[in-house]
Amino acid sequence: MKSVIAIDGPAGAGKSTIAKKLAKKFNYRYLDTGAMYRAVTWYVINNDIDISNNKKLSEIASNINISFKTDNNGETYIYVNDNNVTNKIRENIIDKNVSDVAKISGVRKEMVKIQKRIAENGKIIVDGRDIASRVLPDAELKIYLTASVEERARRRHNELIEKGISSDFEKVKEEIEKRDSIDKNRKDSPLIKTDDAVLVDSTNLSIEEVVDKISSLIKEGD
C-alpha cells in the first residue's frame, strides 16, 4: 500500500474531489495545497493589499497562520489566523487572482515549508500543482490528473450555477486558460507532469471511475 500520494494537475481537473474521496476510503489525511494559496489570496484581498507587491505578499506568507481542522464527520476546514475561510476561498474573486499570488517565489517557499512538514508522517494524499516535482519528489505514487479545457470549464460553470452564482461559460473557459498559462509558465515550480507520474485523464470518466483507477494504483504491489 502506497503511503504518500501526490496528485498534480490543472484547475478544474477534479483533484480536490478525488483526493478527498481517496483519503476517506483509505483513512488517510488529506492536504489541499491549493487551498493554502487561496487562503493567502483571501487575506491579501480582504486586507486591500496590492496583489502586485511581491515583497509584501512574501512577508504575509511567512507570518500568516494557516491551519486545517477536521470535524467528527471527516470534513476539513481551513483557517486563516483563526478565521474559518473554507467557503470564502472558493469565491470567484479568489479564482481570478490565486494564480498571480501562487506564482510569487516567496509565497511558494513559505507554503512548501508547511506542506513538507504536514506530509512528514505519511498516510497522506496531497494535491496541488508542484507536489510531485517539488513538495514531495519522493512520493510513492504520483498522479497527474487532467481533463480537457472544455470539460474543466463546464464543471466550473455548472458548480457556479448550482451555487446560485451567475456564470458565463466562455468567460469561465477564458479564466481557466489564463490560469493554465500562468501555472505552466511561471518561473518557480511550474505545473508539469513528472516523468514518473501516472497520467489520468478524467474528461470522459465519472468521479467513481477515477477513484477506482487511482485506488488500484495505491494498492498495487500489496
Protein backbone atom coordinates (compact mmCIF):
# COMPACT_ATOMS: atom_id res chain seq x y z
CA MET A 1 0.00 0.00 0.00
CA LYS A 2 1.40 3.37 -1.02
CA SER A 3 1.58 5.74 1.96
CA VAL A 4 2.34 9.09 0.32
CA ILE A 5 0.34 10.04 -2.77
CA ALA A 6 0.93 13.20 -4.79
CA ILE A 7 -1.76 14.44 -7.17
CA ASP A 8 -0.95 17.28 -9.55
CA GLY A 9 -2.96 18.80 -12.37
CA PRO A 10 -4.56 21.94 -13.78
CA ALA A 11 -7.52 23.88 -12.41
CA GLY A 12 -10.84 22.06 -12.61
CA ALA A 13 -9.42 18.59 -13.18
CA GLY A 14 -11.12 17.30 -10.03
CA LYS A 15 -8.04 16.95 -7.82
CA SER A 16 -9.66 18.02 -4.56
CA THR A 17 -12.82 15.98 -5.08
CA ILE A 18 -10.85 12.84 -5.96
CA ALA A 19 -8.23 13.33 -3.23
CA LYS A 20 -10.91 13.77 -0.54
CA LYS A 21 -12.68 10.59 -1.59
CA LEU A 22 -9.43 8.63 -1.67
CA ALA A 23 -8.41 9.94 1.76
CA LYS A 24 -11.75 8.85 3.20
CA LYS A 25 -11.56 5.46 1.51
CA PHE A 26 -8.08 4.66 2.82
CA ASN A 27 -8.42 6.58 6.10
CA TYR A 28 -5.54 8.85 5.09
CA ARG A 29 -5.04 12.52 5.84
CA TYR A 30 -5.76 14.96 3.04
CA LEU A 31 -3.87 18.15 2.23
CA ASP A 32 -5.25 20.58 -0.34
CA THR A 33 -2.23 22.77 -1.07
CA GLY A 34 -4.26 24.90 -3.47
CA ALA A 35 -6.43 25.93 -0.54
CA MET A 36 -3.34 27.33 1.15
CA TYR A 37 -2.59 29.63 -1.78
CA ARG A 38 -6.27 30.56 -1.87
CA ALA A 39 -6.06 31.40 1.84
CA VAL A 40 -3.16 33.79 1.24
CA THR A 41 -5.07 35.31 -1.68
CA TRP A 42 -8.16 35.78 0.50
CA TYR A 43 -6.09 37.52 3.18
CA VAL A 44 -4.47 39.83 0.62
CA ILE A 45 -7.78 40.81 -0.99
CA ASN A 46 -9.63 41.08 2.33
CA ASN A 47 -7.00 43.50 3.61
CA ASP A 48 -6.83 45.59 0.42
CA ILE A 49 -3.17 44.76 -0.19
CA ASP A 50 -1.67 45.40 -3.63
CA ILE A 51 -1.55 41.97 -5.24
CA SER A 52 1.43 43.02 -7.39
CA ASN A 53 3.60 43.79 -4.34
CA ASN A 54 5.68 40.61 -4.30
CA LYS A 55 7.75 41.62 -1.28
CA LYS A 56 4.68 42.39 0.83
CA LEU A 57 2.93 39.17 -0.18
CA SER A 58 6.04 37.13 0.65
CA GLU A 59 6.14 38.75 4.10
CA ILE A 60 2.47 37.92 4.62
CA ALA A 61 3.07 34.29 3.63
CA SER A 62 5.85 33.97 6.21
CA ASN A 63 3.70 35.37 9.03
CA ILE A 64 0.18 34.21 8.26
CA ASN A 65 -1.21 31.37 10.36
CA ILE A 66 -2.89 28.79 8.10
CA SER A 67 -4.32 25.70 9.78
CA PHE A 68 -6.60 22.79 8.96
CA LYS A 69 -9.18 21.31 11.31
CA THR A 70 -11.21 18.14 10.79
CA ASP A 71 -14.58 17.56 12.45
CA ASN A 72 -16.09 14.26 13.63
CA ASN A 73 -17.62 13.67 10.19
CA GLY A 74 -14.26 13.86 8.47
CA GLU A 75 -14.92 17.30 6.97
CA THR A 76 -11.83 19.50 6.78
CA TYR A 77 -11.92 23.27 7.30
CA ILE A 78 -9.21 25.80 6.64
CA TYR A 79 -8.50 28.72 8.94
CA VAL A 80 -6.52 31.93 8.48
CA ASN A 81 -5.48 33.46 11.80
CA ASP A 82 -8.39 31.61 13.47
CA ASN A 83 -10.95 32.75 10.85
CA ASN A 84 -12.81 29.94 9.08
CA VAL A 85 -12.33 30.76 5.39
CA THR A 86 -13.34 27.37 3.95
CA ASN A 87 -16.15 28.80 1.82
CA LYS A 88 -14.70 32.27 1.32
CA ILE A 89 -11.65 30.97 -0.55
CA ARG A 90 -13.90 29.35 -3.18
CA GLU A 91 -15.41 32.64 -4.31
CA ASN A 92 -14.93 33.78 -7.89
CA ILE A 93 -12.66 36.70 -6.96
CA ILE A 94 -10.21 34.18 -5.46
CA ASP A 95 -10.34 32.06 -8.64
CA LYS A 96 -9.36 35.11 -10.67
CA ASN A 97 -6.38 36.09 -8.50
CA VAL A 98 -4.95 32.95 -6.90
CA SER A 99 -2.57 32.05 -9.74
CA ASP A 100 -0.99 35.53 -9.59
CA VAL A 101 -0.38 35.06 -5.87
CA ALA A 102 0.80 31.47 -6.21
CA LYS A 103 3.45 32.35 -8.79
CA ILE A 104 5.36 34.52 -6.30
CA SER A 105 8.52 32.67 -5.25
CA GLY A 106 8.48 33.98 -1.67
CA VAL A 107 4.90 32.83 -1.20
CA ARG A 108 5.62 29.38 -2.64
CA LYS A 109 8.72 28.99 -0.47
CA GLU A 110 6.74 29.53 2.73
CA MET A 111 3.82 27.31 1.69
CA VAL A 112 6.12 24.45 0.63
CA LYS A 113 7.80 24.51 4.06
CA ILE A 114 4.42 23.96 5.73
CA GLN A 115 3.35 21.32 3.21
CA LYS A 116 6.51 19.26 3.65
CA ARG A 117 6.13 19.37 7.43
CA ILE A 118 2.48 18.25 7.31
CA ALA A 119 3.31 15.32 5.00
CA GLU A 120 6.21 14.00 7.08
CA ASN A 121 4.31 11.21 8.86
CA GLY A 122 2.90 9.57 5.73
CA LYS A 123 -0.58 8.12 5.17
CA ILE A 124 -1.48 11.27 3.30
CA ILE A 125 -2.84 12.37 -0.06
CA VAL A 126 -1.62 15.77 -1.21
CA ASP A 127 -2.91 17.65 -4.23
CA GLY A 128 -1.71 20.77 -5.98
CA ARG A 129 0.44 21.95 -8.88
CA ASP A 130 4.00 21.12 -7.80
CA ILE A 131 3.58 18.22 -5.39
CA ALA A 132 5.46 15.57 -7.39
CA SER A 133 8.07 17.97 -8.70
CA ARG A 134 8.88 20.00 -5.59
CA VAL A 135 6.89 19.33 -2.42
CA LEU A 136 7.06 15.52 -2.36
CA PRO A 137 9.53 14.41 -5.05
CA ASP A 138 9.91 11.06 -3.23
CA ALA A 139 6.17 10.32 -3.08
CA GLU A 140 5.44 6.62 -3.55
CA LEU A 141 2.72 7.34 -6.08
CA LYS A 142 2.49 10.38 -8.34
CA ILE A 143 -0.64 11.15 -10.32
CA TYR A 144 -1.12 13.82 -12.98
CA LEU A 145 -4.87 14.34 -13.15
CA THR A 146 -6.17 16.33 -16.08
CA ALA A 147 -9.17 16.89 -18.37
CA SER A 148 -9.87 18.94 -21.48
CA VAL A 149 -10.24 22.70 -21.08
CA GLU A 150 -13.86 22.47 -22.25
CA GLU A 151 -14.71 19.82 -19.66
CA ARG A 152 -12.99 21.68 -16.85
CA ALA A 153 -14.80 24.88 -17.79
CA ARG A 154 -18.12 23.02 -17.95
CA ARG A 155 -17.60 21.62 -14.45
CA ARG A 156 -16.72 25.03 -13.01
CA HIS A 157 -19.63 26.69 -14.84
CA ASN A 158 -22.11 24.12 -13.51
CA GLU A 159 -20.67 24.42 -9.99
CA LEU A 160 -21.27 28.18 -10.01
CA ILE A 161 -24.80 27.80 -11.37
CA GLU A 162 -25.62 25.21 -8.67
CA LYS A 163 -24.46 27.73 -6.05
CA GLY A 164 -26.80 30.34 -7.49
CA ILE A 165 -23.95 32.38 -8.94
CA SER A 166 -24.41 33.75 -12.46
CA SER A 167 -21.83 32.36 -14.86
CA ASP A 168 -20.82 32.76 -18.49
CA PHE A 169 -19.30 29.56 -19.90
CA GLU A 170 -16.96 31.34 -22.32
CA LYS A 171 -15.64 33.64 -19.59
CA VAL A 172 -15.07 30.68 -17.28
CA LYS A 173 -13.19 28.93 -20.07
CA GLU A 174 -11.03 32.02 -20.65
CA GLU A 175 -10.22 32.24 -16.93
CA ILE A 176 -9.20 28.57 -16.83
CA GLU A 177 -7.00 29.00 -19.90
CA LYS A 178 -5.39 32.04 -18.26
CA ARG A 179 -4.76 30.07 -15.04
CA ASP A 180 -3.27 27.20 -17.06
CA SER A 181 -0.90 29.60 -18.80
CA ILE A 182 0.24 31.21 -15.53
CA ASP A 183 0.63 27.85 -13.76
CA LYS A 184 2.59 26.24 -16.60
CA ASN A 185 4.82 29.20 -17.42
CA ARG A 186 5.75 30.62 -14.02
CA LYS A 187 9.47 30.57 -13.22
CA ASP A 188 9.13 28.96 -9.80
CA SER A 189 7.75 25.39 -9.73
CA PRO A 190 5.61 25.43 -12.88
CA LEU A 191 2.84 22.88 -13.34
CA ILE A 192 4.40 19.86 -15.08
CA LYS A 193 3.85 16.14 -15.38
CA THR A 194 6.94 14.48 -13.94
CA ASP A 195 8.35 11.51 -15.84
CA ASP A 196 7.38 9.09 -13.06
CA ALA A 197 3.79 10.36 -12.69
CA VAL A 198 0.82 8.33 -13.95
CA LEU A 199 -1.38 10.32 -16.33
CA VAL A 200 -5.11 10.09 -15.53
CA ASP A 201 -7.45 11.93 -17.93
CA SER A 202 -10.83 12.44 -16.28
CA THR A 203 -12.54 14.06 -19.29
CA ASN A 204 -14.77 11.07 -20.02
CA LEU A 205 -14.64 9.39 -16.61
CA SER A 206 -17.03 9.66 -13.68
CA ILE A 207 -15.71 10.59 -10.24
CA GLU A 208 -16.06 6.99 -9.07
CA GLU A 209 -14.21 5.67 -12.11
CA VAL A 210 -11.28 7.98 -11.37
CA VAL A 211 -11.32 6.99 -7.68
CA ASP A 212 -11.29 3.28 -8.63
CA LYS A 213 -8.44 3.78 -11.09
CA ILE A 214 -6.22 5.58 -8.57
CA SER A 215 -7.25 3.20 -5.76
CA SER A 216 -5.86 0.31 -7.79
CA LEU A 217 -2.56 2.17 -8.16
CA ILE A 218 -2.42 2.87 -4.41
CA LYS A 219 -2.95 -0.83 -3.63
CA GLU A 220 -0.64 -2.04 -6.37
CA GLY A 221 2.13 -4.25 -5.06
CA ASP A 222 0.29 -5.34 -1.87
